[in-house]
Amino acid sequence: MREQFNKQQVFDLRDKQAARPVRQKLGFPGKSKEKRWSHQDDLDRLVGKEISVAIILSGVEKYVKGTLLAADQYFIKLSLPLVDLMTGSPVDNSIRVYSKSIIIYFSEVK
């Protein structure tokens, strides 16, 4: 009889542990983490605005100025104005895609 009681007691303890609610599911706050800074948030804020970007191509630093069309995890898409060299007036827009790995910095043109 005693053996049977002990087995039943162990079984009940296992059930209670399995049925124990997890803290997060009850809505209790867990550890709060501060949101990390991300350049992606800055780029998302600048979509549709004119920006200046410094990039490295073949070891040479180059500056590009254009309108930011889109930005994702790996690339940025810029609309660059094409200028007529004779008159200096804008002719058309060229859309360029740059990898973020070649970008040194970017800033909004005001």
N, C-alpha and C. Protein backbone atom coordinates (compact mmCIF):
# COMPACT_ATOMS: atom_id res chain seq x y z
N MET A 1 0.82 -1.19 0.00
CA MET A 1 0.00 0.00 0.00
C MET A 1 0.87 1.26 0.00
N ARG A 2 1.93 1.24 0.80
CA ARG A 2 2.80 2.39 0.88
C ARG A 2 3.48 2.65 -0.47
N GLU A 3 3.89 1.58 -1.15
CA GLU A 3 4.50 1.72 -2.46
C GLU A 3 3.55 2.41 -3.44
N GLN A 4 2.33 2.02 -3.39
CA GLN A 4 1.33 2.58 -4.27
C GLN A 4 1.12 4.07 -3.98
N PHE A 5 1.13 4.48 -2.74
CA PHE A 5 0.96 5.87 -2.35
C PHE A 5 2.11 6.72 -2.88
N ASN A 6 3.35 6.23 -2.74
CA ASN A 6 4.51 6.99 -3.21
C ASN A 6 4.48 7.19 -4.72
N LYS A 7 4.10 6.15 -5.44
CA LYS A 7 4.02 6.29 -6.89
C LYS A 7 2.97 7.34 -7.27
N GLN A 8 1.86 7.32 -6.58
CA GLN A 8 0.80 8.27 -6.86
C GLN A 8 1.26 9.70 -6.55
N GLN A 9 2.01 9.86 -5.47
CA GLN A 9 2.50 11.18 -5.07
C GLN A 9 3.46 11.73 -6.12
N VAL A 10 4.37 10.91 -6.61
CA VAL A 10 5.32 11.35 -7.64
C VAL A 10 4.56 11.75 -8.89
N PHE A 11 3.58 10.98 -9.26
CA PHE A 11 2.78 11.27 -10.44
C PHE A 11 2.09 12.62 -10.30
N ASP A 12 1.54 12.90 -9.12
CA ASP A 12 0.87 14.16 -8.89
C ASP A 12 1.83 15.34 -8.99
N LEU A 13 3.05 15.19 -8.46
CA LEU A 13 4.03 16.27 -8.54
C LEU A 13 4.39 16.58 -9.99
N ARG A 14 4.52 15.56 -10.79
CA ARG A 14 4.84 15.79 -12.20
C ARG A 14 3.70 16.56 -12.88
N ASP A 15 2.48 16.19 -12.57
CA ASP A 15 1.34 16.89 -13.16
C ASP A 15 1.32 18.36 -12.75
N LYS A 16 1.61 18.63 -11.48
CA LYS A 16 1.59 20.01 -11.00
C LYS A 16 2.68 20.83 -11.68
N GLN A 17 3.84 20.25 -11.90
CA GLN A 17 4.91 20.98 -12.57
C GLN A 17 4.55 21.26 -14.02
N ALA A 18 3.93 20.29 -14.67
CA ALA A 18 3.55 20.48 -16.07
C ALA A 18 2.45 21.53 -16.20
N ALA A 19 1.58 21.60 -15.21
CA ALA A 19 0.46 22.53 -15.27
C ALA A 19 0.83 23.92 -14.74
N ARG A 20 2.04 24.07 -14.20
CA ARG A 20 2.45 25.36 -13.66
C ARG A 20 2.55 26.39 -14.79
N PRO A 21 1.90 27.53 -14.66
CA PRO A 21 1.93 28.52 -15.73
C PRO A 21 3.31 29.19 -15.86
N VAL A 22 3.62 29.56 -17.05
CA VAL A 22 4.87 30.28 -17.30
C VAL A 22 4.61 31.75 -17.07
N ARG A 23 5.58 32.46 -16.50
CA ARG A 23 5.41 33.87 -16.16
C ARG A 23 5.00 34.73 -17.35
N GLN A 24 5.64 34.55 -18.45
CA GLN A 24 5.36 35.38 -19.61
C GLN A 24 3.93 35.22 -20.11
N LYS A 25 3.39 34.03 -20.01
CA LYS A 25 2.04 33.79 -20.51
C LYS A 25 0.98 34.45 -19.64
N LEU A 26 1.29 34.72 -18.39
CA LEU A 26 0.33 35.38 -17.51
C LEU A 26 0.31 36.88 -17.71
N GLY A 27 1.27 37.40 -18.46
CA GLY A 27 1.31 38.82 -18.70
C GLY A 27 2.21 39.57 -17.74
N PHE A 28 2.93 38.87 -16.90
CA PHE A 28 3.88 39.54 -16.03
C PHE A 28 5.03 40.06 -16.88
N PRO A 29 5.52 41.23 -16.58
CA PRO A 29 6.62 41.75 -17.40
C PRO A 29 7.90 40.95 -17.17
N GLY A 30 8.56 40.63 -18.25
CA GLY A 30 9.84 39.95 -18.17
C GLY A 30 10.93 41.00 -18.03
N LYS A 31 12.14 40.61 -18.32
CA LYS A 31 13.23 41.57 -18.28
C LYS A 31 13.05 42.56 -19.42
N SER A 32 13.08 43.83 -19.08
CA SER A 32 12.93 44.84 -20.13
C SER A 32 14.30 45.15 -20.72
N LYS A 33 14.35 45.15 -22.04
CA LYS A 33 15.59 45.47 -22.73
C LYS A 33 15.39 46.79 -23.45
N GLU A 34 16.38 47.64 -23.37
CA GLU A 34 16.31 48.88 -24.10
C GLU A 34 16.47 48.58 -25.59
N LYS A 35 15.74 49.33 -26.40
CA LYS A 35 15.84 49.12 -27.84
C LYS A 35 17.20 49.63 -28.31
N ARG A 36 17.90 48.80 -29.06
CA ARG A 36 19.21 49.18 -29.56
C ARG A 36 19.08 50.16 -30.71
N TRP A 37 20.09 51.00 -30.85
CA TRP A 37 20.12 51.92 -31.97
C TRP A 37 20.35 51.13 -33.24
N SER A 38 19.73 51.55 -34.31
CA SER A 38 19.88 50.87 -35.59
C SER A 38 19.93 51.91 -36.70
N HIS A 39 20.89 51.80 -37.59
CA HIS A 39 20.94 52.72 -38.72
C HIS A 39 19.74 52.51 -39.63
N GLN A 40 19.13 51.33 -39.58
CA GLN A 40 17.97 51.05 -40.42
C GLN A 40 16.81 51.97 -40.05
N ASP A 41 16.64 52.25 -38.77
CA ASP A 41 15.58 53.18 -38.34
C ASP A 41 15.82 54.57 -38.92
N ASP A 42 17.08 55.00 -38.92
CA ASP A 42 17.42 56.30 -39.49
C ASP A 42 17.15 56.33 -40.99
N LEU A 43 17.51 55.25 -41.68
CA LEU A 43 17.26 55.18 -43.12
C LEU A 43 15.77 55.16 -43.43
N ASP A 44 14.99 54.44 -42.66
CA ASP A 44 13.54 54.41 -42.87
C ASP A 44 12.93 55.80 -42.71
N ARG A 45 13.46 56.57 -41.80
CA ARG A 45 12.98 57.93 -41.56
C ARG A 45 13.32 58.85 -42.74
N LEU A 46 14.42 58.54 -43.45
CA LEU A 46 14.89 59.40 -44.55
C LEU A 46 14.34 59.02 -45.92
N VAL A 47 13.52 57.99 -46.02
CA VAL A 47 12.97 57.58 -47.32
C VAL A 47 12.16 58.73 -47.91
N GLY A 48 12.44 59.07 -49.17
CA GLY A 48 11.76 60.17 -49.85
C GLY A 48 12.46 61.50 -49.70
N LYS A 49 13.52 61.56 -48.91
CA LYS A 49 14.27 62.80 -48.70
C LYS A 49 15.61 62.73 -49.42
N GLU A 50 16.19 63.90 -49.64
CA GLU A 50 17.50 63.96 -50.30
C GLU A 50 18.59 63.69 -49.27
N ILE A 51 19.50 62.78 -49.61
CA ILE A 51 20.59 62.44 -48.71
C ILE A 51 21.92 62.50 -49.44
N SER A 52 22.97 62.62 -48.68
CA SER A 52 24.34 62.56 -49.18
C SER A 52 24.97 61.30 -48.61
N VAL A 53 25.63 60.53 -49.48
CA VAL A 53 26.21 59.26 -49.08
C VAL A 53 27.67 59.23 -49.50
N ALA A 54 28.54 58.80 -48.60
CA ALA A 54 29.95 58.59 -48.93
C ALA A 54 30.16 57.09 -49.07
N ILE A 55 30.71 56.68 -50.22
CA ILE A 55 30.95 55.26 -50.48
C ILE A 55 32.39 55.05 -50.91
N ILE A 56 32.86 53.83 -50.82
CA ILE A 56 34.20 53.49 -51.29
C ILE A 56 34.06 52.56 -52.49
N LEU A 57 34.59 53.01 -53.63
CA LEU A 57 34.62 52.20 -54.84
C LEU A 57 36.07 52.05 -55.29
N SER A 58 36.56 50.84 -55.36
CA SER A 58 37.94 50.54 -55.76
C SER A 58 38.96 51.30 -54.91
N GLY A 59 38.68 51.44 -53.63
CA GLY A 59 39.60 52.10 -52.71
C GLY A 59 39.53 53.61 -52.74
N VAL A 60 38.63 54.18 -53.55
CA VAL A 60 38.50 55.63 -53.66
C VAL A 60 37.18 56.05 -53.02
N GLU A 61 37.25 57.09 -52.19
CA GLU A 61 36.04 57.60 -51.54
C GLU A 61 35.27 58.47 -52.52
N LYS A 62 33.99 58.20 -52.68
CA LYS A 62 33.15 58.92 -53.62
C LYS A 62 31.92 59.43 -52.89
N TYR A 63 31.47 60.63 -53.26
CA TYR A 63 30.29 61.23 -52.63
C TYR A 63 29.15 61.24 -53.63
N VAL A 64 27.99 60.79 -53.17
CA VAL A 64 26.80 60.71 -54.01
C VAL A 64 25.67 61.45 -53.30
N LYS A 65 24.92 62.24 -54.08
CA LYS A 65 23.79 62.97 -53.51
C LYS A 65 22.55 62.62 -54.33
N GLY A 66 21.50 62.17 -53.64
CA GLY A 66 20.28 61.80 -54.34
C GLY A 66 19.13 61.58 -53.37
N THR A 67 17.99 61.20 -53.92
CA THR A 67 16.80 60.94 -53.11
C THR A 67 16.75 59.47 -52.74
N LEU A 68 16.60 59.19 -51.46
CA LEU A 68 16.52 57.81 -50.99
C LEU A 68 15.14 57.25 -51.31
N LEU A 69 15.11 56.20 -52.14
CA LEU A 69 13.84 55.58 -52.52
C LEU A 69 13.46 54.43 -51.60
N ALA A 70 14.46 53.62 -51.21
CA ALA A 70 14.18 52.47 -50.36
C ALA A 70 15.47 52.03 -49.68
N ALA A 71 15.32 51.34 -48.56
CA ALA A 71 16.47 50.79 -47.84
C ALA A 71 16.04 49.50 -47.17
N ASP A 72 16.83 48.45 -47.37
CA ASP A 72 16.53 47.20 -46.68
C ASP A 72 17.76 46.77 -45.90
N GLN A 73 17.83 45.52 -45.56
CA GLN A 73 18.89 45.02 -44.70
C GLN A 73 20.27 45.12 -45.35
N TYR A 74 20.33 45.00 -46.68
CA TYR A 74 21.63 44.93 -47.36
C TYR A 74 21.89 46.06 -48.35
N PHE A 75 20.87 46.70 -48.88
CA PHE A 75 21.05 47.67 -49.95
C PHE A 75 20.27 48.95 -49.69
N ILE A 76 20.70 50.03 -50.36
CA ILE A 76 19.92 51.26 -50.42
C ILE A 76 19.68 51.58 -51.90
N LYS A 77 18.55 52.19 -52.18
CA LYS A 77 18.18 52.53 -53.55
C LYS A 77 18.04 54.04 -53.62
N LEU A 78 18.84 54.67 -54.50
CA LEU A 78 18.86 56.12 -54.64
C LEU A 78 18.41 56.53 -56.03
N SER A 79 17.74 57.67 -56.10
CA SER A 79 17.43 58.30 -57.38
C SER A 79 18.39 59.47 -57.52
N LEU A 80 19.31 59.36 -58.49
CA LEU A 80 20.33 60.39 -58.70
C LEU A 80 19.95 61.24 -59.91
N PRO A 81 20.01 62.56 -59.79
CA PRO A 81 19.69 63.41 -60.94
C PRO A 81 20.83 63.37 -61.96
N LEU A 82 20.47 63.15 -63.24
CA LEU A 82 21.44 63.22 -64.32
C LEU A 82 21.45 64.66 -64.84
N VAL A 83 22.64 65.22 -64.94
CA VAL A 83 22.79 66.63 -65.31
C VAL A 83 23.42 66.72 -66.70
N ASP A 84 22.88 67.61 -67.52
CA ASP A 84 23.46 67.89 -68.83
C ASP A 84 24.75 68.67 -68.61
N LEU A 85 25.85 68.15 -69.11
CA LEU A 85 27.15 68.77 -68.87
C LEU A 85 27.29 70.12 -69.57
N MET A 86 26.57 70.32 -70.66
CA MET A 86 26.67 71.59 -71.39
C MET A 86 25.90 72.71 -70.69
N THR A 87 24.69 72.40 -70.24
CA THR A 87 23.85 73.45 -69.65
C THR A 87 23.85 73.42 -68.13
N GLY A 88 24.15 72.27 -67.54
CA GLY A 88 24.15 72.15 -66.08
C GLY A 88 22.76 71.93 -65.50
N SER A 89 21.77 71.75 -66.36
CA SER A 89 20.40 71.54 -65.87
C SER A 89 20.10 70.05 -65.77
N PRO A 90 19.24 69.66 -64.84
CA PRO A 90 18.90 68.25 -64.70
C PRO A 90 18.12 67.74 -65.92
N VAL A 91 18.49 66.57 -66.40
CA VAL A 91 17.86 65.99 -67.58
C VAL A 91 16.90 64.89 -67.17
N ASP A 92 17.36 63.97 -66.34
CA ASP A 92 16.58 62.79 -66.00
C ASP A 92 17.07 62.29 -64.64
N ASN A 93 16.41 61.26 -64.13
CA ASN A 93 16.85 60.62 -62.89
C ASN A 93 17.36 59.23 -63.18
N SER A 94 18.47 58.89 -62.57
CA SER A 94 19.03 57.55 -62.68
C SER A 94 18.83 56.86 -61.34
N ILE A 95 18.34 55.62 -61.37
CA ILE A 95 18.13 54.88 -60.13
C ILE A 95 19.31 53.95 -59.93
N ARG A 96 19.97 54.08 -58.79
CA ARG A 96 21.13 53.26 -58.46
C ARG A 96 20.89 52.51 -57.16
N VAL A 97 21.44 51.31 -57.09
CA VAL A 97 21.37 50.50 -55.88
C VAL A 97 22.78 50.30 -55.37
N TYR A 98 23.01 50.61 -54.10
CA TYR A 98 24.32 50.46 -53.48
C TYR A 98 24.23 49.48 -52.32
N SER A 99 25.26 48.67 -52.19
CA SER A 99 25.35 47.75 -51.06
C SER A 99 25.76 48.54 -49.82
N LYS A 100 25.20 48.20 -48.69
CA LYS A 100 25.55 48.90 -47.45
C LYS A 100 26.99 48.64 -47.03
N SER A 101 27.59 47.59 -47.57
CA SER A 101 28.97 47.27 -47.17
C SER A 101 29.97 48.29 -47.68
N ILE A 102 29.62 49.09 -48.69
CA ILE A 102 30.56 50.09 -49.22
C ILE A 102 30.25 51.49 -48.70
N ILE A 103 29.21 51.64 -47.90
CA ILE A 103 28.83 52.96 -47.39
C ILE A 103 29.65 53.31 -46.16
N ILE A 104 30.26 54.48 -46.20
CA ILE A 104 31.02 54.97 -45.04
C ILE A 104 30.08 55.74 -44.11
N TYR A 105 29.32 56.67 -44.66
CA TYR A 105 28.34 57.40 -43.86
C TYR A 105 27.25 57.96 -44.77
N PHE A 106 26.18 58.41 -44.16
CA PHE A 106 25.10 59.07 -44.89
C PHE A 106 24.54 60.17 -44.02
N SER A 107 23.98 61.20 -44.66
CA SER A 107 23.36 62.28 -43.91
C SER A 107 22.29 62.93 -44.76
N GLU A 108 21.34 63.56 -44.10
CA GLU A 108 20.26 64.25 -44.81
C GLU A 108 20.78 65.59 -45.32
N VAL A 109 20.42 65.93 -46.55
CA VAL A 109 20.78 67.22 -47.13
C VAL A 109 19.68 68.20 -46.76
N LYS A 110 20.05 69.29 -46.13
CA LYS A 110 19.05 70.28 -45.69
C LYS A 110 19.12 71.52 -46.53
